[in-house]
PDB file of N, CA and C in Angstrom:
ATOM      1  N   MET A   1      36.042  22.578-126.488  1.00  0.00           N
ATOM      2  CA  MET A   1      35.264  23.475-128.252  1.00  0.00           C
ATOM      3  C   MET A   1      35.670  24.119-128.613  1.00  0.00           C
ATOM      4  N   HIS A   2      37.285  24.120-128.524  1.00  0.00           N
ATOM      5  CA  HIS A   2      37.863  25.492-129.167  1.00  0.00           C
ATOM      6  C   HIS A   2      38.410  24.205-130.416  1.00  0.00           C
ATOM      7  N   ILE A   3      38.767  23.492-129.778  1.00  0.00           N
ATOM      8  CA  ILE A   3      39.338  22.495-130.872  1.00  0.00           C
ATOM      9  C   ILE A   3      38.295  22.403-132.120  1.00  0.00           C
ATOM     10  N   VAL A   4      36.592  22.384-131.938  1.00  0.00           N
ATOM     11  CA  VAL A   4      35.605  22.519-132.639  1.00  0.00           C
ATOM     12  C   VAL A   4      35.740  23.188-133.523  1.00  0.00           C
ATOM     13  N   VAL A   5      36.177  24.189-132.991  1.00  0.00           N
ATOM     14  CA  VAL A   5      35.642  25.924-134.029  1.00  0.00           C
ATOM     15  C   VAL A   5      36.653  25.690-134.861  1.00  0.00           C
ATOM     16  N   ILE A   6      37.714  25.460-134.779  1.00  0.00           N
ATOM     17  CA  ILE A   6      39.219  25.329-135.529  1.00  0.00           C
ATOM     18  C   ILE A   6      38.886  24.489-135.977  1.00  0.00           C
ATOM     19  N   ALA A   7      38.344  23.380-136.223  1.00  0.00           N
ATOM     20  CA  ALA A   7      38.019  22.265-137.342  1.00  0.00           C
ATOM     21  C   ALA A   7      36.897  22.936-137.950  1.00  0.00           C
ATOM     22  N   TRP A   8      36.239  23.640-137.764  1.00  0.00           N
ATOM     23  CA  TRP A   8      34.668  23.704-138.519  1.00  0.00           C
ATOM     24  C   TRP A   8      35.272  24.634-139.532  1.00  0.00           C
ATOM     25  N   LEU A   9      35.820  25.710-138.999  1.00  0.00           N
ATOM     26  CA  LEU A   9      36.245  26.860-139.645  1.00  0.00           C
ATOM     27  C   LEU A   9      37.621  26.443-141.104  1.00  0.00           C
ATOM     28  N   TYR A  10      37.941  25.309-140.359  1.00  0.00           N
ATOM     29  CA  TYR A  10      38.745  24.642-141.369  1.00  0.00           C
ATOM     30  C   TYR A  10      37.699  24.351-142.523  1.00  0.00           C
ATOM     31  N   VAL A  11      37.528  23.402-142.733  1.00  0.00           N
ATOM     32  CA  VAL A  11      35.640  22.752-143.435  1.00  0.00           C
ATOM     33  C   VAL A  11      35.951  23.746-143.929  1.00  0.00           C
ATOM     34  N   THR A  12      34.950  25.184-143.691  1.00  0.00           N
ATOM     35  CA  THR A  12      33.893  26.264-144.266  1.00  0.00           C
ATOM     36  C   THR A  12      35.258  26.547-144.992  1.00  0.00           C
ATOM     37  N   VAL A  13      36.457  27.208-145.118  1.00  0.00           N
ATOM     38  CA  VAL A  13      37.147  28.009-145.212  1.00  0.00           C
ATOM     39  C   VAL A  13      38.227  26.769-146.926  1.00  0.00           C
ATOM     40  N   LEU A  14      37.946  25.389-146.233  1.00  0.00           N
ATOM     41  CA  LEU A  14      38.265  24.792-147.612  1.00  0.00           C
ATOM     42  C   LEU A  14      37.205  24.880-148.657  1.00  0.00           C
ATOM     43  N   MET A  15      35.608  24.506-147.606  1.00  0.00           N
ATOM     44  CA  MET A  15      34.590  24.555-149.044  1.00  0.00           C
ATOM     45  C   MET A  15      34.452  26.086-149.396  1.00  0.00           C
ATOM     46  N   ALA A  16      34.854  27.102-148.605  1.00  0.00           N
ATOM     47  CA  ALA A  16      35.054  28.393-150.158  1.00  0.00           C
ATOM     48  C   ALA A  16      36.090  28.792-150.948  1.00  0.00           C
ATOM     49  N   LEU A  17      37.055  27.758-150.251  1.00  0.00           N
ATOM     50  CA  LEU A  17      38.278  27.648-151.858  1.00  0.00           C
ATOM     51  C   LEU A  17      37.476  27.159-152.743  1.00  0.00           C
ATOM     52  N   THR A  18      36.731  25.742-152.367  1.00  0.00           N
ATOM     53  CA  THR A  18      36.217  25.828-154.004  1.00  0.00           C
ATOM     54  C   THR A  18      34.892  25.998-154.261  1.00  0.00           C
ATOM     55  N   GLU A  19      34.523  26.924-154.139  1.00  0.00           N
ATOM     56  CA  GLU A  19      33.542  27.183-154.834  1.00  0.00           C
ATOM     57  C   GLU A  19      33.858  28.025-155.995  1.00  0.00           C
ATOM     58  N   THR A  20      32.990  28.428-156.710  1.00  0.00           N
ATOM     59  CA  THR A  20      32.740  28.452-158.335  1.00  0.00           C
ATOM     60  C   THR A  20      33.732  29.878-158.829  1.00  0.00           C
ATOM     61  N   SER A  21      32.763  30.897-157.641  1.00  0.00           N
ATOM     62  CA  SER A  21      33.148  32.535-157.751  1.00  0.00           C
ATOM     63  C   SER A  21      33.701  33.145-156.428  1.00  0.00           C
ATOM     64  N   VAL A  22      34.033  33.970-156.494  1.00  0.00           N
ATOM     65  CA  VAL A  22      34.615  34.736-155.260  1.00  0.00           C
ATOM     66  C   VAL A  22      33.515  35.037-154.009  1.00  0.00           C
ATOM     67  N   VAL A  23      32.249  35.486-154.684  1.00  0.00           N
ATOM     68  CA  VAL A  23      31.303  35.559-154.096  1.00  0.00           C
ATOM     69  C   VAL A  23      30.534  34.800-153.175  1.00  0.00           C
ATOM     70  N   ALA A  24      30.655  34.220-154.420  1.00  0.00           N
ATOM     71  CA  ALA A  24      30.081  32.057-153.380  1.00  0.00           C
ATOM     72  C   ALA A  24      30.864  31.719-152.453  1.00  0.00           C
ATOM     73  N   GLY A  25      32.116  32.021-152.205  1.00  0.00           N
ATOM     74  CA  GLY A  25      32.864  31.547-151.430  1.00  0.00           C
ATOM     75  C   GLY A  25      33.225  32.222-150.552  1.00  0.00           C
ATOM     76  N   VAL A  26      33.569  33.443-151.078  1.00  0.00           N
ATOM     77  CA  VAL A  26      32.741  34.284-149.316  1.00  0.00           C
ATOM     78  C   VAL A  26      31.511  34.495-148.869  1.00  0.00           C
ATOM     79  N   LEU A  27      30.732  34.428-149.580  1.00  0.00           N
ATOM     80  CA  LEU A  27      29.187  33.853-148.978  1.00  0.00           C
ATOM     81  C   LEU A  27      29.145  32.799-148.070  1.00  0.00           C
ATOM     82  N   SER A  28      29.829  31.651-149.146  1.00  0.00           N
ATOM     83  CA  SER A  28      30.206  30.613-147.866  1.00  0.00           C
ATOM     84  C   SER A  28      30.774  30.655-146.854  1.00  0.00           C
ATOM     85  N   LEU A  29      32.039  31.496-147.045  1.00  0.00           N
ATOM     86  CA  LEU A  29      32.507  31.732-145.190  1.00  0.00           C
ATOM     87  C   LEU A  29      31.572  31.897-144.118  1.00  0.00           C
ATOM     88  N   VAL A  30      30.727  33.497-144.662  1.00  0.00           N
ATOM     89  CA  VAL A  30      30.440  33.602-143.647  1.00  0.00           C
ATOM     90  C   VAL A  30      29.158  32.935-143.293  1.00  0.00           C
ATOM     91  N   PHE A  31      28.213  32.928-143.930  1.00  0.00           N
ATOM     92  CA  PHE A  31      27.177  31.764-143.800  1.00  0.00           C
ATOM     93  C   PHE A  31      26.830  30.299-143.108  1.00  0.00           C
ATOM     94  N   TYR A  32      28.350  29.760-143.644  1.00  0.00           N
ATOM     95  CA  TYR A  32      28.616  28.069-143.314  1.00  0.00           C
ATOM     96  C   TYR A  32      29.482  28.270-142.289  1.00  0.00           C
ATOM     97  N   GLY A  33      30.065  29.489-142.231  1.00  0.00           N
ATOM     98  CA  GLY A  33      32.100  29.669-141.202  1.00  0.00           C
ATOM     99  C   GLY A  33      31.324  30.502-140.276  1.00  0.00           C
ATOM    100  N   LEU A  34      31.454  31.453-140.448  1.00  0.00           N
ATOM    101  CA  LEU A  34      31.765  32.735-139.652  1.00  0.00           C
ATOM    102  C   LEU A  34      30.457  32.698-138.031  1.00  0.00           C
ATOM    103  N   LEU A  35      29.133  32.883-139.223  1.00  0.00           N
ATOM    104  CA  LEU A  35      28.091  33.457-138.367  1.00  0.00           C
ATOM    105  C   LEU A  35      27.335  32.299-137.477  1.00  0.00           C
ATOM    106  N   PRO A  36      27.869  30.713-137.990  1.00  0.00           N
ATOM    107  CA  PRO A  36      27.212  29.595-137.460  1.00  0.00           C
ATOM    108  C   PRO A  36      27.992  29.780-135.563  1.00  0.00           C
ATOM    109  N   THR A  37      30.080  29.898-135.922  1.00  0.00           N
ATOM    110  CA  THR A  37      30.790  30.307-134.638  1.00  0.00           C
ATOM    111  C   THR A  37      30.532  30.912-134.342  1.00  0.00           C
ATOM    112  N   ALA A  38      30.051  31.706-134.129  1.00  0.00           N
ATOM    113  CA  ALA A  38      29.931  33.428-133.726  1.00  0.00           C
ATOM    114  C   ALA A  38      28.260  33.059-132.825  1.00  0.00           C
ATOM    115  N   LEU A  39      27.530  31.801-133.131  1.00  0.00           N
ATOM    116  CA  LEU A  39      26.537  32.039-132.480  1.00  0.00           C
ATOM    117  C   LEU A  39      27.105  30.944-131.458  1.00  0.00           C
ATOM    118  N   LEU A  40      28.127  29.657-132.038  1.00  0.00           N
ATOM    119  CA  LEU A  40      28.232  28.442-131.493  1.00  0.00           C
ATOM    120  C   LEU A  40      28.628  29.309-129.775  1.00  0.00           C
ATOM    121  N   LEU A  41      29.587  30.175-130.020  1.00  0.00           N
ATOM    122  CA  LEU A  41      30.252  30.544-128.736  1.00  0.00           C
ATOM    123  C   LEU A  41      29.737  31.411-127.834  1.00  0.00           C
ATOM    124  N   TRP A  42      28.692  32.013-128.459  1.00  0.00           N
ATOM    125  CA  TRP A  42      27.516  33.014-127.633  1.00  0.00           C
ATOM    126  C   TRP A  42      27.288  32.484-127.194  1.00  0.00           C
ATOM    127  N   LEU A  43      26.548  31.398-127.554  1.00  0.00           N
ATOM    128  CA  LEU A  43      25.820  30.466-126.463  1.00  0.00           C
ATOM    129  C   LEU A  43      26.268  29.358-125.490  1.00  0.00           C
ATOM    130  N   PHE A  44      27.555  29.246-125.304  1.00  0.00           N
ATOM    131  CA  PHE A  44      28.355  28.384-124.880  1.00  0.00           C
ATOM    132  C   PHE A  44      28.785  29.285-124.139  1.00  0.00           C
ATOM    133  N   GLY A  45      29.319  30.416-124.706  1.00  0.00           N
ATOM    134  CA  GLY A  45      29.928  31.872-123.607  1.00  0.00           C
ATOM    135  C   GLY A  45      28.861  32.109-122.580  1.00  0.00           C
ATOM    136  N   GLY A  46      27.665  31.458-122.537  1.00  0.00           N
ATOM    137  CA  GLY A  46      26.921  32.576-120.906  1.00  0.00           C
ATOM    138  C   GLY A  46      27.314  32.214-120.176  1.00  0.00           C
ATOM    139  N   PRO A  47      27.290  31.300-120.205  1.00  0.00           N
ATOM    140  CA  PRO A  47      27.573  30.266-118.351  1.00  0.00           C
ATOM    141  C   PRO A  47      28.956  30.833-117.907  1.00  0.00           C
ATOM    142  N   ALA A  48      29.667  31.502-118.460  1.00  0.00           N
ATOM    143  CA  ALA A  48      31.332  32.140-118.123  1.00  0.00           C
ATOM    144  C   ALA A  48      31.103  33.691-118.070  1.00  0.00           C
ATOM    145  N   ARG A  49      30.328  34.195-118.926  1.00  0.00           N
ATOM    146  CA  ARG A  49      30.627  35.627-119.029  1.00  0.00           C
ATOM    147  C   ARG A  49      29.240  35.401-117.633  1.00  0.00           C
ATOM    148  N   ARG A  50      28.016  34.436-117.116  1.00  0.00           N
ATOM    149  CA  ARG A  50      27.340  34.874-116.016  1.00  0.00           C
ATOM    150  C   ARG A  50      28.219  34.535-114.921  1.00  0.00           C
ATOM    151  N   ARG A  51      29.361  34.156-114.476  1.00  0.00           N
ATOM    152  CA  ARG A  51      29.753  33.998-113.948  1.00  0.00           C
ATOM    153  C   ARG A  51      31.393  34.624-113.586  1.00  0.00           C
ATOM    154  N   ALA A  52      31.778  35.495-114.897  1.00  0.00           N
ATOM    155  CA  ALA A  52      31.945  36.933-114.664  1.00  0.00           C
ATOM    156  C   ALA A  52      31.965  37.904-113.747  1.00  0.00           C
ATOM    157  N   ALA A  53      30.542  37.950-115.115  1.00  0.00           N
ATOM    158  CA  ALA A  53      29.729  39.975-114.273  1.00  0.00           C
ATOM    159  C   ALA A  53      29.035  38.815-112.674  1.00  0.00           C
ATOM    160  N   CYS A  54      28.997  37.555-111.694  1.00  0.00           N
ATOM    161  CA  CYS A  54      28.592  37.452-110.504  1.00  0.00           C
ATOM    162  C   CYS A  54      30.050  37.364-109.770  1.00  0.00           C
ATOM    163  N   ARG A  55      31.278  37.308-110.383  1.00  0.00           N
ATOM    164  CA  ARG A  55      32.515  37.614-109.395  1.00  0.00           C
ATOM    165  C   ARG A  55      33.092  38.976-109.384  1.00  0.00           C
ATOM    166  N   ALA A  56      32.295  39.708-110.379  1.00  0.00           N
ATOM    167  CA  ALA A  56      32.752  41.351-110.825  1.00  0.00           C
ATOM    168  C   ALA A  56      31.630  41.663-109.251  1.00  0.00           C
ATOM    169  N   ALA A  57      30.685  41.614-109.629  1.00  0.00           N
ATOM    170  CA  ALA A  57      29.358  41.711-108.480  1.00  0.00           C
ATOM    171  C   ALA A  57      30.061  41.844-106.810  1.00  0.00           C
ATOM    172  N   GLN A  58      30.868  40.549-106.856  1.00  0.00           N
ATOM    173  CA  GLN A  58      30.714  40.058-105.570  1.00  0.00           C
ATOM    174  C   GLN A  58      32.221  41.104-105.358  1.00  0.00           C
ATOM    175  N   ALA A  59      33.206  41.494-106.522  1.00  0.00           N
ATOM    176  CA  ALA A  59      34.118  41.959-105.662  1.00  0.00           C
ATOM    177  C   ALA A  59      33.750  43.432-105.390  1.00  0.00           C
ATOM    178  N   ASN A  60      33.011  43.842-106.749  1.00  0.00           N
ATOM    179  CA  ASN A  60      32.391  45.245-105.946  1.00  0.00           C
ATOM    180  C   ASN A  60      32.064  45.485-104.508  1.00  0.00           C
ATOM    181  N   SER A  61      30.841  44.637-104.233  1.00  0.00           N
ATOM    182  CA  SER A  61      30.409  44.294-103.030  1.00  0.00           C
ATOM    183  C   SER A  61      31.067  44.159-101.922  1.00  0.00           C
ATOM    184  N   ARG A  62      32.445  43.863-101.909  1.00  0.00           N
ATOM    185  CA  ARG A  62      33.538  43.957-100.790  1.00  0.00           C
ATOM    186  C   ARG A  62      34.461  45.348-100.876  1.00  0.00           C
ATOM    187  N   THR A  63      34.304  45.106-101.897  1.00  0.00           N
ATOM    188  CA  THR A  63      35.633  46.868-102.218  1.00  0.00           C
ATOM    189  C   THR A  63      34.471  47.781-101.477  1.00  0.00           C
ATOM    190  N   GLY A  64      33.271  47.517-101.646  1.00  0.00           N
ATOM    191  CA  GLY A  64      32.244  49.657-100.877  1.00  0.00           C
ATOM    192  C   GLY A  64      31.771  48.725-100.130  1.00  0.00           C
ATOM    193  N   SER A  65      31.746  47.253 -98.954  1.00  0.00           N
ATOM    194  CA  SER A  65      31.739  47.419 -97.872  1.00  0.00           C
ATOM    195  C   SER A  65      32.589  47.334 -97.242  1.00  0.00           C
ATOM    196  N   ALA A  66      33.805  47.583 -97.426  1.00  0.00           N
ATOM    197  CA  ALA A  66      35.269  47.446 -96.348  1.00  0.00           C
ATOM    198  C   ALA A  66      35.447  48.812 -96.910  1.00  0.00           C
ATOM    199  N   GLY A  67      34.852  50.018 -97.873  1.00  0.00           N
ATOM    200  CA  GLY A  67      35.227  51.230 -97.825  1.00  0.00           C
ATOM    201  C   GLY A  67      34.382  51.945 -96.730  1.00  0.00           C
ATOM    202  N   ASP A  68      32.728  51.399 -96.607  1.00  0.00           N
ATOM    203  CA  ASP A  68      31.927  51.559 -96.107  1.00  0.00           C
ATOM    204  C   ASP A  68      32.372  51.662 -94.459  1.00  0.00           C
ATOM    205  N   GLU A  69      32.889  50.532 -93.723  1.00  0.00           N
ATOM    206  CA  GLU A  69      33.696  50.428 -92.584  1.00  0.00           C
ATOM    207  C   GLU A  69      34.762  50.942 -92.315  1.00  0.00           C
ATOM    208  N   ALA A  70      35.647  51.655 -94.133  1.00  0.00           N
ATOM    209  CA  ALA A  70      36.829  52.429 -93.007  1.00  0.00           C
ATOM    210  C   ALA A  70      36.627  53.467 -93.168  1.00  0.00           C
ATOM    211  N   ARG A  71      34.994  54.178 -93.207  1.00  0.00           N
ATOM    212  CA  ARG A  71      34.599  55.550 -93.054  1.00  0.00           C
ATOM    213  C   ARG A  71      34.391  55.721 -91.973  1.00  0.00           C
ATOM    214  N   THR A  72      33.562  55.007 -91.229  1.00  0.00           N
ATOM    215  CA  THR A  72      33.077  54.822 -90.231  1.00  0.00           C
ATOM    216  C   THR A  72      33.972  54.678 -89.106  1.00  0.00           C
ATOM    217  N   PRO A  73      33.658  55.672 -87.772  1.00  0.00           N
ATOM    218  CA  PRO A  73      34.703  56.079 -86.401  1.00  0.00           C
ATOM    219  C   PRO A  73      33.832  54.710 -85.378  1.00  0.00           C
TER     220      PRO A  73
END
């Protein structure tokens, strides 16, 4: 997925460079490149964030239950 993001940003940078003014170039880069890329990474990164949160919750429950067992005689 990262190669697609890199390729898309390359294309949008080249598009921005061919614009007639600096303002048009910056707006092209932001609205055609950065915002769609950020949205794509956020949408497709959801499952990875969910897995990381699940792993963190499991790690916390393991350490919490191990601490409870250590405290009881």
